[in-house]
Amino acid sequence: MLKKLGILSLIVVAFILLFNSILMPWYVKHSNLVKVPNVTGLNFLDAKKVLEQSGLDVKQGDIRYDESKPIGFVMDQAPAVDEMVKNGRRVYLTVCGGEQLMEVPRLIGKSERDARFSLVQRNLQVGEIVKKFTTEQPEDFVISQVIQPGSKVKKGTKVDLIISNGQLLGSIIVPDVVGKKLADARKLIEDKKLKLGKITYQSSDLPVGQVIDQYPKKDKSAKDNTPVDLFIAKKKTENEKAAEDIGDNDKEPKEKKTTDDKEKKEKTKPADEQPKDKTSDKSKEKVNDKAKEKTPDKPKEKTN
């Protein structure tokens, strides 16, 4: 009897231990669930307040850029709306960062061309360009930029640049004469105490006598009597125009050209290469044979 009571007591103790250590924690753990509320469309601070009141933890997740929505606007949440989660579960919120800002690249030491390319790649634009005589950087390389590298700016922002104009050679600034007539260009050059240099005439569609290019370029520095070479437009010759026309004709489809070439070859075949008419040849032979038959043989001359 005592033995049975002892066994029964052990069973009861074991059940109590099992209930307290396994069954009760499991029940508490699985019965304490929370439904995730919908906080999309709210401001981040308001969404955080709602979630914390529901017994959930909040953390800012990704930033999504959208200029049509205000900064801090909750665009997405994880876990999803109405999902059942444990009390204290962390909810990640994706918020709007407003209009996306672009980082200004470092342009100092780059050529003007490379600097323009770097800005275009980042949806930025070249602003005002100021040329400065200096030996700090090679000619046409960026010395300084107004907006510092690493700054965050809106798309399309203009970045002003200071670019090297090369070494200062003299106190005279070369005038811009491109687009001027030769006589007007000569006057501008001589007024700056410079002299007209070599004149090169180039065929062009521009008006005859107009300056196409110059060297040194405009805004460069120069000393007294520095020659300024000019390139002047002249009328295109007939040969040049014909060459252009030939270039245009070369663009015709190859099939059409091949067909035209075949037709020309057939028309220009020598007479010997033309196919002979066998019927006419046979009739000619018959006529010749009849003529021979009708012609009497000549009498032989007697020799004494």
Protein backbone atom coordinates (compact mmCIF):
# COMPACT_ATOMS: atom_id res chain seq x y z
CA MET A 1 0.00 0.00 0.00
CA LEU A 2 2.78 2.42 0.93
CA LYS A 3 4.55 1.49 -2.23
CA LYS A 4 1.52 2.47 -4.34
CA LEU A 5 1.16 5.80 -2.48
CA GLY A 6 4.84 6.55 -3.14
CA ILE A 7 4.45 5.86 -6.83
CA LEU A 8 1.32 8.03 -6.95
CA SER A 9 3.12 10.87 -5.16
CA LEU A 10 5.97 10.71 -7.67
CA ILE A 11 3.53 10.87 -10.57
CA VAL A 12 1.82 13.96 -9.10
CA VAL A 13 5.15 15.71 -8.50
CA ALA A 14 6.31 14.93 -12.01
CA PHE A 15 3.04 16.29 -13.51
CA ILE A 16 3.40 19.52 -11.49
CA LEU A 17 6.98 19.97 -12.68
CA LEU A 18 5.99 19.27 -16.27
CA PHE A 19 3.09 21.72 -16.09
CA ASN A 20 5.16 24.55 -14.57
CA SER A 21 8.26 24.14 -16.72
CA ILE A 22 6.79 23.17 -20.10
CA LEU A 23 3.03 23.42 -20.42
CA MET A 24 2.53 26.77 -18.68
CA PRO A 25 5.36 28.60 -20.50
CA TRP A 26 4.14 27.20 -23.83
CA TYR A 27 0.59 28.37 -23.11
CA VAL A 28 1.75 31.84 -22.05
CA LYS A 29 4.06 32.12 -25.00
CA HIS A 30 1.46 31.20 -27.61
CA SER A 31 -1.49 32.94 -26.08
CA ASN A 32 0.30 36.33 -25.90
CA LEU A 33 -0.04 37.22 -29.63
CA VAL A 34 -0.64 40.67 -31.14
CA LYS A 35 -2.24 41.66 -34.45
CA VAL A 36 0.00 44.11 -36.36
CA PRO A 37 -1.89 47.37 -36.96
CA ASN A 38 -1.80 49.26 -40.27
CA VAL A 39 0.51 52.29 -40.01
CA THR A 40 1.32 52.90 -43.71
CA GLY A 41 0.48 56.45 -44.72
CA LEU A 42 1.23 57.83 -41.26
CA ASN A 43 4.14 59.99 -40.22
CA PHE A 44 6.97 57.91 -38.72
CA LEU A 45 6.49 59.33 -35.20
CA ASP A 46 2.73 58.69 -35.26
CA ALA A 47 3.27 55.17 -36.60
CA LYS A 48 5.79 54.46 -33.86
CA LYS A 49 3.32 55.58 -31.21
CA VAL A 50 0.55 53.30 -32.56
CA LEU A 51 2.83 50.25 -32.71
CA GLU A 52 4.27 50.77 -29.24
CA GLN A 53 0.74 51.04 -27.80
CA SER A 54 0.08 47.59 -29.32
CA GLY A 55 3.09 46.18 -27.48
CA LEU A 56 5.41 46.10 -30.51
CA ASP A 57 8.90 47.45 -31.01
CA VAL A 58 9.64 49.85 -33.90
CA LYS A 59 12.73 50.38 -36.05
CA GLN A 60 13.24 52.53 -39.16
CA GLY A 61 14.13 50.38 -42.16
CA ASP A 62 14.93 51.44 -45.72
CA ILE A 63 14.54 54.94 -47.12
CA ARG A 64 12.61 55.21 -50.38
CA TYR A 65 12.84 58.41 -52.41
CA ASP A 66 9.66 59.92 -53.79
CA GLU A 67 9.35 63.67 -54.31
CA SER A 68 5.54 63.41 -54.41
CA LYS A 69 5.36 62.35 -50.73
CA PRO A 70 6.52 64.16 -47.58
CA ILE A 71 9.69 63.18 -45.76
CA GLY A 72 9.01 60.65 -42.98
CA PHE A 73 5.89 59.26 -44.67
CA VAL A 74 5.58 55.49 -43.91
CA MET A 75 5.49 53.70 -47.28
CA ASP A 76 5.74 50.08 -46.16
CA GLN A 77 5.92 47.91 -43.04
CA ALA A 78 7.19 44.43 -42.10
CA PRO A 79 5.57 42.29 -40.73
CA ALA A 80 2.51 43.01 -42.85
CA VAL A 81 -0.81 44.42 -41.67
CA ASP A 82 -3.04 42.09 -39.56
CA GLU A 83 -0.30 39.48 -39.17
CA MET A 84 -0.27 37.76 -35.76
CA VAL A 85 3.08 38.17 -34.01
CA LYS A 86 4.51 37.81 -30.52
CA ASN A 87 4.22 40.64 -28.10
CA GLY A 88 7.34 42.80 -28.35
CA ARG A 89 8.07 41.80 -31.95
CA ARG A 90 10.06 44.39 -33.89
CA VAL A 91 8.31 46.08 -36.83
CA TYR A 92 10.45 47.64 -39.59
CA LEU A 93 9.09 50.74 -41.32
CA THR A 94 10.13 51.95 -44.78
CA VAL A 95 9.92 55.74 -44.82
CA CYS A 96 10.00 58.31 -47.60
CA GLY A 97 13.14 60.38 -47.97
CA GLY A 98 11.46 62.97 -50.18
CA GLU A 99 13.31 64.01 -53.30
CA GLN A 100 16.51 62.06 -53.83
CA LEU A 101 19.64 64.13 -53.31
CA MET A 102 22.74 63.66 -55.42
CA GLU A 103 26.28 63.73 -54.11
CA VAL A 104 28.54 66.29 -55.75
CA PRO A 105 31.71 64.58 -57.07
CA ARG A 106 35.24 65.88 -56.68
CA LEU A 107 36.12 67.69 -59.91
CA ILE A 108 39.38 69.43 -58.98
CA GLY A 109 42.21 68.17 -61.16
CA LYS A 110 39.90 66.89 -63.90
CA SER A 111 39.75 68.28 -67.42
CA GLU A 112 36.72 70.39 -68.28
CA ARG A 113 35.42 67.57 -70.49
CA ASP A 114 35.75 64.93 -67.75
CA ALA A 115 34.17 67.28 -65.19
CA ARG A 116 31.13 67.78 -67.45
CA PHE A 117 30.80 64.02 -67.93
CA SER A 118 31.00 63.37 -64.15
CA LEU A 119 28.23 65.89 -63.46
CA VAL A 120 25.95 64.55 -66.20
CA GLN A 121 26.35 61.01 -64.81
CA ARG A 122 24.90 62.25 -61.49
CA ASN A 123 22.05 64.24 -63.06
CA LEU A 124 23.83 67.52 -62.30
CA GLN A 125 24.72 70.39 -64.62
CA VAL A 126 27.70 72.61 -65.28
CA GLY A 127 27.02 76.13 -64.04
CA GLU A 128 29.07 79.25 -64.67
CA ILE A 129 32.65 78.67 -65.77
CA VAL A 130 35.30 81.20 -64.77
CA LYS A 131 38.71 81.04 -66.43
CA LYS A 132 41.76 81.94 -64.35
CA PHE A 133 45.39 82.30 -65.41
CA THR A 134 47.43 79.97 -63.23
CA THR A 135 50.07 77.25 -63.22
CA GLU A 136 48.28 75.41 -60.39
CA GLN A 137 46.60 73.12 -62.92
CA PRO A 138 47.22 72.49 -66.63
CA GLU A 139 45.22 74.51 -69.13
CA ASP A 140 41.49 73.62 -69.24
CA PHE A 141 41.65 71.66 -65.95
CA VAL A 142 39.44 72.41 -62.93
CA ILE A 143 41.12 74.51 -60.21
CA SER A 144 38.15 74.83 -57.88
CA GLN A 145 34.43 74.14 -57.56
CA VAL A 146 31.86 76.28 -55.76
CA ILE A 147 29.85 73.39 -54.27
CA GLN A 148 32.21 71.25 -52.24
CA PRO A 149 32.68 67.53 -52.99
CA GLY A 150 30.40 65.26 -51.00
CA SER A 151 27.62 67.84 -50.67
CA LYS A 152 24.05 66.58 -51.17
CA VAL A 153 22.05 68.58 -53.71
CA LYS A 154 18.89 68.20 -55.79
CA LYS A 155 18.88 66.77 -59.29
CA GLY A 156 19.71 69.32 -61.97
CA THR A 157 21.70 71.55 -59.60
CA LYS A 158 24.29 73.68 -61.42
CA VAL A 159 27.87 73.44 -60.19
CA ASP A 160 30.04 76.49 -60.94
CA LEU A 161 33.65 75.78 -61.87
CA ILE A 162 36.92 77.71 -61.94
CA ILE A 163 39.10 76.41 -64.75
CA SER A 164 42.75 77.04 -65.55
CA ASN A 165 43.33 79.30 -68.52
CA GLY A 166 47.00 78.37 -68.62
CA GLN A 167 50.03 80.42 -67.74
CA LEU A 168 49.81 84.21 -67.96
CA LEU A 169 52.03 85.07 -70.94
CA GLY A 170 51.29 88.78 -71.14
CA SER A 171 48.92 91.54 -70.20
CA ILE A 172 46.84 91.37 -73.40
CA ILE A 173 43.68 89.24 -73.63
CA VAL A 174 43.10 87.75 -77.09
CA PRO A 175 39.74 88.91 -78.50
CA ASP A 176 37.08 86.59 -79.91
CA VAL A 177 36.98 87.05 -83.71
CA VAL A 178 35.24 83.80 -84.74
CA GLY A 179 32.21 84.64 -86.87
CA LYS A 180 33.61 88.03 -87.89
CA LYS A 181 34.56 89.16 -91.38
CA LEU A 182 38.29 89.24 -92.07
CA ALA A 183 38.45 93.04 -92.09
CA ASP A 184 36.60 93.31 -88.76
CA ALA A 185 38.77 90.58 -87.24
CA ARG A 186 41.93 92.37 -88.35
CA LYS A 187 40.76 95.61 -86.69
CA LEU A 188 39.92 93.87 -83.38
CA ILE A 189 43.31 92.15 -83.35
CA GLU A 190 45.28 95.30 -84.11
CA ASP A 191 43.28 97.33 -81.57
CA LYS A 192 44.58 94.92 -78.91
CA LYS A 193 48.17 95.61 -80.07
CA LEU A 194 48.38 92.17 -81.62
CA LYS A 195 49.10 91.40 -85.25
CA LEU A 196 47.43 89.31 -87.89
CA GLY A 197 49.22 86.00 -88.33
CA LYS A 198 48.87 83.25 -90.91
CA ILE A 199 45.60 83.14 -92.85
CA THR A 200 44.36 79.73 -93.98
CA TYR A 201 41.37 79.40 -96.27
CA GLN A 202 39.13 76.37 -95.77
CA SER A 203 36.17 75.17 -97.83
CA SER A 204 33.00 75.68 -95.81
CA ASP A 205 29.26 76.16 -96.04
CA LEU A 206 29.63 79.33 -93.96
CA PRO A 207 29.61 82.73 -95.68
CA VAL A 208 32.75 83.39 -97.71
CA GLY A 209 35.28 85.50 -95.80
CA GLN A 210 33.96 84.62 -92.32
CA VAL A 211 36.41 83.56 -89.61
CA ILE A 212 35.91 79.86 -88.78
CA ASP A 213 38.57 79.52 -86.09
CA GLN A 214 41.50 81.30 -84.52
CA TYR A 215 44.73 80.61 -82.67
CA PRO A 216 45.44 81.60 -79.92
CA LYS A 217 41.87 81.06 -78.73
CA LYS A 218 39.77 83.83 -77.25
CA ASP A 219 40.51 85.01 -73.69
CA LYS A 220 44.07 83.65 -73.77
CA SER A 221 46.87 85.93 -72.63
CA ALA A 222 49.45 87.28 -75.04
CA LYS A 223 52.28 89.80 -75.37
CA ASP A 224 52.48 92.77 -77.72
CA ASN A 225 52.61 91.88 -81.42
CA THR A 226 51.71 88.23 -80.83
CA PRO A 227 50.42 86.88 -84.17
CA VAL A 228 46.85 85.59 -84.27
CA ASP A 229 46.34 82.95 -86.96
CA LEU A 230 42.94 82.86 -88.65
CA PHE A 231 41.02 80.22 -90.58
CA ILE A 232 38.71 81.80 -93.18
CA ALA A 233 35.76 80.25 -95.00
CA LYS A 234 35.96 79.94 -98.78
CA LYS A 235 33.52 78.68 -101.39
CA LYS A 236 33.56 74.97 -102.14
CA THR A 237 34.90 73.98 -105.55
CA GLU A 238 32.88 72.01 -108.08
CA ASN A 239 35.06 68.94 -107.44
CA GLU A 240 34.34 69.12 -103.72
CA LYS A 241 30.62 69.43 -104.37
CA ALA A 242 30.79 66.50 -106.79
CA ALA A 243 32.64 64.44 -104.19
CA GLU A 244 29.86 65.16 -101.72
CA ASP A 245 27.25 64.13 -104.29
CA ILE A 246 29.11 60.88 -104.93
CA GLY A 247 29.19 60.26 -101.20
CA ASP A 248 25.42 60.69 -101.11
CA ASN A 249 24.93 58.33 -104.03
CA ASP A 250 27.04 55.67 -102.33
CA LYS A 251 24.31 55.41 -99.73
CA GLU A 252 21.90 53.82 -102.28
CA PRO A 253 20.90 50.18 -101.60
CA LYS A 254 23.46 47.65 -102.86
CA GLU A 255 20.81 45.54 -104.59
CA LYS A 256 19.72 48.43 -106.76
CA LYS A 257 23.32 49.17 -107.73
CA THR A 258 23.96 45.53 -108.64
CA THR A 259 20.88 45.45 -110.89
CA ASP A 260 21.88 48.69 -112.61
CA ASP A 261 25.42 47.41 -113.18
CA LYS A 262 24.11 44.20 -114.80
CA GLU A 263 21.86 46.16 -117.14
CA LYS A 264 24.72 48.43 -118.17
CA LYS A 265 27.01 45.45 -118.88
CA GLU A 266 24.40 43.79 -121.08
CA LYS A 267 23.88 46.98 -123.07
CA THR A 268 27.60 47.55 -123.60
CA LYS A 269 28.49 43.92 -124.62
CA PRO A 270 30.70 43.73 -127.77
CA ALA A 271 29.04 42.53 -130.91
CA ASP A 272 31.15 39.36 -130.89
CA GLU A 273 29.76 38.41 -127.50
CA GLN A 274 26.13 38.81 -128.57
CA PRO A 275 24.31 35.44 -129.14
CA LYS A 276 24.34 34.41 -132.78
CA ASP A 277 21.21 33.57 -134.72
CA LYS A 278 21.78 30.01 -136.01
CA THR A 279 18.82 30.16 -138.44
CA SER A 280 20.17 33.19 -140.28
CA ASP A 281 23.60 31.58 -140.54
CA LYS A 282 22.14 28.47 -142.20
CA SER A 283 20.11 30.52 -144.71
CA LYS A 284 23.24 32.45 -145.65
CA GLU A 285 25.10 29.19 -146.34
CA LYS A 286 22.28 27.97 -148.67
CA VAL A 287 22.32 31.23 -150.68
CA ASN A 288 26.08 30.96 -151.18
CA ASP A 289 25.81 27.36 -152.37
CA LYS A 290 23.15 28.27 -155.00
CA ALA A 291 25.29 31.13 -156.26
CA LYS A 292 28.20 28.77 -156.81
CA GLU A 293 26.04 26.40 -158.80
CA LYS A 294 24.80 29.13 -161.16
CA THR A 295 28.26 30.62 -161.85
CA PRO A 296 29.87 28.86 -164.91
CA ASP A 297 33.46 27.78 -164.79
CA LYS A 298 35.86 30.02 -166.71
CA PRO A 299 37.32 28.54 -169.94
CA LYS A 300 40.92 27.53 -169.68
CA GLU A 301 43.33 29.60 -171.63
CA LYS A 302 45.26 27.76 -174.38
CA THR A 303 48.96 28.04 -174.25
CA ASN A 304 50.92 28.01 -177.45
